[in-house]
Amino acid sequence: MGCRRSKTSQKKSQARFKVLKAARKSQLRQLEDQVQTFQSENDSLQAENNSLQEEVAILTKFGVLQSVQIHQQVEEAQSNNELWAIAQKECWEAQKKVIQQDKEIVSLKGEVK
């Protein structure tokens, strides 16, 4: 009887071992599936990240170009303002001369009478 219990006990242990082994295999498959899913998601996110980095680089270049362009336009506007101021001053000087000449003409007409 003692040997039978031992064989029965051994069979029960083997059965439990098989159940545990099957459970471990199932868990391992689930973990492998999760790893594969995570790797796939990671690859997708990495591709999206690369795309976004390219977009940032393009927008940065565009921003720098726009900044340079704006700076050039500001310099051109300042130069145009300076030229306008010079032209305006020359115009005022010419108007002063015209007014002065008008006064002289009126004065000369008064003397001639």
C-alpha atoms as a PDB file:
ATOM      1  CA  MET A   1       0.000   0.000   0.000  1.00  0.00           C
ATOM      2  CA  GLY A   2       2.832   2.341   0.756  1.00  0.00           C
ATOM      3  CA  CYS A   3       4.189   2.092  -2.784  1.00  0.00           C
ATOM      4  CA  ARG A   4       0.781   2.738  -4.304  1.00  0.00           C
ATOM      5  CA  ARG A   5       0.412   5.986  -2.440  1.00  0.00           C
ATOM      6  CA  SER A   6       3.795   6.956  -3.588  1.00  0.00           C
ATOM      7  CA  LYS A   7       2.909   6.215  -7.231  1.00  0.00           C
ATOM      8  CA  THR A   8      -0.406   8.009  -6.818  1.00  0.00           C
ATOM      9  CA  SER A   9       1.337  10.926  -5.197  1.00  0.00           C
ATOM     10  CA  GLN A  10       3.926  10.885  -7.961  1.00  0.00           C
ATOM     11  CA  LYS A  11       1.205  10.846 -10.641  1.00  0.00           C
ATOM     12  CA  LYS A  12      -0.569  13.743  -8.941  1.00  0.00           C
ATOM     13  CA  SER A  13       2.704  15.666  -8.831  1.00  0.00           C
ATOM     14  CA  GLN A  14       3.331  14.925 -12.497  1.00  0.00           C
ATOM     15  CA  ALA A  15      -0.211  16.015 -13.368  1.00  0.00           C
ATOM     16  CA  ARG A  16       0.230  19.265 -11.404  1.00  0.00           C
ATOM     17  CA  PHE A  17       3.595  19.778 -13.085  1.00  0.00           C
ATOM     18  CA  LYS A  18       1.998  19.320 -16.531  1.00  0.00           C
ATOM     19  CA  VAL A  19      -0.774  21.775 -15.632  1.00  0.00           C
ATOM     20  CA  LEU A  20       1.758  24.314 -14.351  1.00  0.00           C
ATOM     21  CA  LYS A  21       3.966  23.753 -17.398  1.00  0.00           C
ATOM     22  CA  ALA A  22       0.984  24.318 -19.718  1.00  0.00           C
ATOM     23  CA  ALA A  23       0.016  27.442 -17.765  1.00  0.00           C
ATOM     24  CA  ARG A  24       3.599  28.755 -18.036  1.00  0.00           C
ATOM     25  CA  LYS A  25       3.618  28.072 -21.774  1.00  0.00           C
ATOM     26  CA  SER A  26       0.343  29.943 -22.123  1.00  0.00           C
ATOM     27  CA  GLN A  27       1.701  32.874 -20.094  1.00  0.00           C
ATOM     28  CA  LEU A  28       4.884  32.838 -22.167  1.00  0.00           C
ATOM     29  CA  ARG A  29       2.864  32.966 -25.412  1.00  0.00           C
ATOM     30  CA  GLN A  30       0.791  35.847 -24.021  1.00  0.00           C
ATOM     31  CA  LEU A  31       3.938  37.721 -23.007  1.00  0.00           C
ATOM     32  CA  GLU A  32       5.516  37.083 -26.416  1.00  0.00           C
ATOM     33  CA  ASP A  33       2.344  38.409 -28.073  1.00  0.00           C
ATOM     34  CA  GLN A  34       2.444  41.489 -25.839  1.00  0.00           C
ATOM     35  CA  VAL A  35       6.123  42.044 -26.655  1.00  0.00           C
ATOM     36  CA  GLN A  36       5.340  41.780 -30.364  1.00  0.00           C
ATOM     37  CA  THR A  37       2.436  44.224 -29.974  1.00  0.00           C
ATOM     38  CA  PHE A  38       4.631  46.658 -28.036  1.00  0.00           C
ATOM     39  CA  GLN A  39       7.383  46.370 -30.661  1.00  0.00           C
ATOM     40  CA  SER A  40       4.872  47.058 -33.410  1.00  0.00           C
ATOM     41  CA  GLU A  41       3.480  50.075 -31.523  1.00  0.00           C
ATOM     42  CA  ASN A  42       7.024  51.267 -30.825  1.00  0.00           C
ATOM     43  CA  ASP A  43       7.926  51.006 -34.526  1.00  0.00           C
ATOM     44  CA  SER A  44       4.798  52.952 -35.440  1.00  0.00           C
ATOM     45  CA  LEU A  45       5.514  55.634 -32.823  1.00  0.00           C
ATOM     46  CA  GLN A  46       9.147  55.827 -33.948  1.00  0.00           C
ATOM     47  CA  ALA A  47       8.032  56.383 -37.546  1.00  0.00           C
ATOM     48  CA  GLU A  48       5.612  59.090 -36.390  1.00  0.00           C
ATOM     49  CA  ASN A  49       8.365  60.675 -34.290  1.00  0.00           C
ATOM     50  CA  ASN A  50      10.728  60.708 -37.283  1.00  0.00           C
ATOM     51  CA  SER A  51       8.034  62.295 -39.425  1.00  0.00           C
ATOM     52  CA  LEU A  52       7.380  64.969 -36.787  1.00  0.00           C
ATOM     53  CA  GLN A  53      11.102  65.670 -36.452  1.00  0.00           C
ATOM     54  CA  GLU A  54      11.338  66.172 -40.210  1.00  0.00           C
ATOM     55  CA  GLU A  55       8.346  68.507 -40.074  1.00  0.00           C
ATOM     56  CA  VAL A  56       9.931  70.497 -37.228  1.00  0.00           C
ATOM     57  CA  ALA A  57      13.170  70.770 -39.209  1.00  0.00           C
ATOM     58  CA  ILE A  58      11.285  72.012 -42.280  1.00  0.00           C
ATOM     59  CA  LEU A  59       9.255  74.507 -40.239  1.00  0.00           C
ATOM     60  CA  THR A  60      12.410  75.691 -38.471  1.00  0.00           C
ATOM     61  CA  LYS A  61      14.133  76.287 -41.829  1.00  0.00           C
ATOM     62  CA  PHE A  62      11.032  78.083 -43.080  1.00  0.00           C
ATOM     63  CA  GLY A  63      10.917  80.192 -39.907  1.00  0.00           C
ATOM     64  CA  VAL A  64      14.580  81.131 -40.251  1.00  0.00           C
ATOM     65  CA  LEU A  65      14.070  82.041 -43.907  1.00  0.00           C
ATOM     66  CA  GLN A  66      11.037  84.130 -43.010  1.00  0.00           C
ATOM     67  CA  SER A  67      12.983  85.829 -40.238  1.00  0.00           C
ATOM     68  CA  VAL A  68      15.793  86.713 -42.654  1.00  0.00           C
ATOM     69  CA  GLN A  69      13.243  87.936 -45.183  1.00  0.00           C
ATOM     70  CA  ILE A  70      11.485  90.084 -42.567  1.00  0.00           C
ATOM     71  CA  HIS A  71      14.830  91.523 -41.455  1.00  0.00           C
ATOM     72  CA  GLN A  72      15.650  92.433 -45.066  1.00  0.00           C
ATOM     73  CA  GLN A  73      12.227  94.023 -45.516  1.00  0.00           C
ATOM     74  CA  VAL A  74      12.684  96.071 -42.338  1.00  0.00           C
ATOM     75  CA  GLU A  75      16.079  97.292 -43.561  1.00  0.00           C
ATOM     76  CA  GLU A  76      14.577  98.151 -46.951  1.00  0.00           C
ATOM     77  CA  ALA A  77      11.697 100.012 -45.289  1.00  0.00           C
ATOM     78  CA  GLN A  78      14.138 101.990 -43.132  1.00  0.00           C
ATOM     79  CA  SER A  79      16.174 102.877 -46.201  1.00  0.00           C
ATOM     80  CA  ASN A  80      13.018 103.934 -48.059  1.00  0.00           C
ATOM     81  CA  ASN A  81      11.958 106.044 -45.062  1.00  0.00           C
ATOM     82  CA  GLU A  82      15.339 107.775 -45.041  1.00  0.00           C
ATOM     83  CA  LEU A  83      15.104 108.448 -48.793  1.00  0.00           C
ATOM     84  CA  TRP A  84      11.548 109.749 -48.354  1.00  0.00           C
ATOM     85  CA  ALA A  85      12.711 112.060 -45.548  1.00  0.00           C
ATOM     86  CA  ILE A  86      15.485 113.453 -47.774  1.00  0.00           C
ATOM     87  CA  ALA A  87      13.052 113.947 -50.668  1.00  0.00           C
ATOM     88  CA  GLN A  88      10.533 115.589 -48.314  1.00  0.00           C
ATOM     89  CA  LYS A  89      13.206 117.974 -47.005  1.00  0.00           C
ATOM     90  CA  GLU A  90      14.224 118.883 -50.565  1.00  0.00           C
ATOM     91  CA  CYS A  91      10.557 119.481 -51.403  1.00  0.00           C
ATOM     92  CA  TRP A  92      10.146 121.788 -48.382  1.00  0.00           C
ATOM     93  CA  GLU A  93      13.305 123.676 -49.346  1.00  0.00           C
ATOM     94  CA  ALA A  94      11.961 124.094 -52.895  1.00  0.00           C
ATOM     95  CA  GLN A  95       8.610 125.312 -51.515  1.00  0.00           C
ATOM     96  CA  LYS A  96      10.447 127.834 -49.314  1.00  0.00           C
ATOM     97  CA  LYS A  97      12.315 129.120 -52.390  1.00  0.00           C
ATOM     98  CA  VAL A  98       9.059 129.393 -54.351  1.00  0.00           C
ATOM     99  CA  ILE A  99       7.449 131.335 -51.483  1.00  0.00           C
ATOM    100  CA  GLN A 100      10.531 133.555 -51.190  1.00  0.00           C
ATOM    101  CA  GLN A 101      10.534 134.184 -54.945  1.00  0.00           C
ATOM    102  CA  ASP A 102       6.792 134.968 -54.832  1.00  0.00           C
ATOM    103  CA  LYS A 103       7.496 137.519 -52.093  1.00  0.00           C
ATOM    104  CA  GLU A 104      10.309 139.042 -54.148  1.00  0.00           C
ATOM    105  CA  ILE A 105       8.065 139.208 -57.223  1.00  0.00           C
ATOM    106  CA  VAL A 106       5.308 140.926 -55.219  1.00  0.00           C
ATOM    107  CA  SER A 107       7.897 143.307 -53.773  1.00  0.00           C
ATOM    108  CA  LEU A 108       9.333 144.101 -57.214  1.00  0.00           C
ATOM    109  CA  LYS A 109       5.843 144.645 -58.636  1.00  0.00           C
ATOM    110  CA  GLY A 110       5.197 147.070 -55.804  1.00  0.00           C
ATOM    111  CA  GLU A 111       8.399 148.968 -56.634  1.00  0.00           C
ATOM    112  CA  VAL A 112       7.593 149.084 -60.323  1.00  0.00           C
ATOM    113  CA  LYS A 113       4.223 150.737 -59.743  1.00  0.00           C
END
